[in-house]
Protein backbone atom coordinates (compact mmCIF):
# COMPACT_ATOMS: atom_id res chain seq x y z
CA MET A 1 119.45 107.28 -43.49
CA ALA A 2 116.33 108.48 -41.63
CA ASN A 3 115.64 106.80 -38.35
CA LEU A 4 112.53 105.66 -36.76
CA GLU A 5 111.04 106.35 -33.53
CA ILE A 6 108.94 103.40 -32.31
CA LYS A 7 106.70 103.58 -29.14
CA LEU A 8 104.91 100.34 -28.04
CA THR A 9 101.28 101.66 -27.19
CA LYS A 10 99.62 98.51 -26.31
CA SER A 11 100.58 95.46 -23.96
CA LEU A 12 101.88 92.35 -25.52
CA PHE A 13 100.15 90.18 -22.93
CA GLY A 14 97.90 87.75 -24.64
CA ARG A 15 99.18 88.47 -28.23
CA PRO A 16 100.23 85.81 -30.43
CA LYS A 17 103.98 84.52 -30.13
CA ASN A 18 104.79 85.71 -33.47
CA GLN A 19 103.69 89.29 -32.67
CA VAL A 20 105.46 88.97 -29.11
CA ASP A 21 108.75 87.86 -30.74
CA THR A 22 108.69 90.89 -33.37
CA ALA A 23 108.21 93.42 -30.85
CA LYS A 24 111.12 92.02 -28.70
CA SER A 25 113.43 91.96 -31.50
CA LEU A 26 112.92 95.50 -32.08
CA GLY A 27 113.80 96.01 -28.50
CA LEU A 28 109.92 96.80 -27.32
CA THR A 29 109.20 94.87 -24.12
CA ARG A 30 106.82 97.31 -22.14
CA PRO A 31 104.15 99.66 -23.01
CA ASN A 32 105.15 103.43 -23.63
CA ARG A 33 108.86 102.28 -24.22
CA VAL A 34 110.49 103.96 -27.17
CA VAL A 35 113.10 102.92 -29.53
CA VAL A 36 115.07 104.52 -32.38
CA LYS A 37 115.92 102.08 -35.23
CA ALA A 38 117.20 102.96 -38.57
CA ASP A 39 114.74 103.05 -41.42
CA SER A 40 115.10 99.95 -43.34
CA GLU A 41 112.98 97.49 -45.28
CA GLN A 42 113.50 94.88 -42.70
CA VAL A 43 112.32 97.06 -39.85
CA ARG A 44 109.45 98.24 -42.08
CA ASN A 45 108.24 94.82 -42.59
CA MET A 46 108.34 93.85 -39.07
CA LEU A 47 106.35 97.02 -38.14
CA LYS A 48 103.66 95.94 -40.35
CA SER A 49 103.06 92.63 -38.51
CA ILE A 50 102.61 94.76 -35.25
CA SER A 51 101.46 98.13 -36.40
CA HIS A 52 98.25 97.79 -34.41
CA LEU A 53 100.36 97.88 -31.16
CA VAL A 54 102.90 100.54 -32.00
CA GLU A 55 103.33 104.37 -33.13
CA VAL A 56 105.77 105.14 -35.77
CA LYS A 57 107.47 108.65 -36.17
CA GLU A 58 110.41 109.78 -38.45
CA ALA A 59 113.09 111.18 -36.01
């Protein structure tokens, strides 16, 4: 399976709780932090809700 490299590009300050919770569940806590996650349907759906806050690359 492919991996996704996910980078938080914007701050979570002032964002709705569901967006903050989604980012934290992916391991994104601070801007410019990068995590690598397995490419799965669950991760893709989480990224849809915070797509305006992250950059995603195939790793």
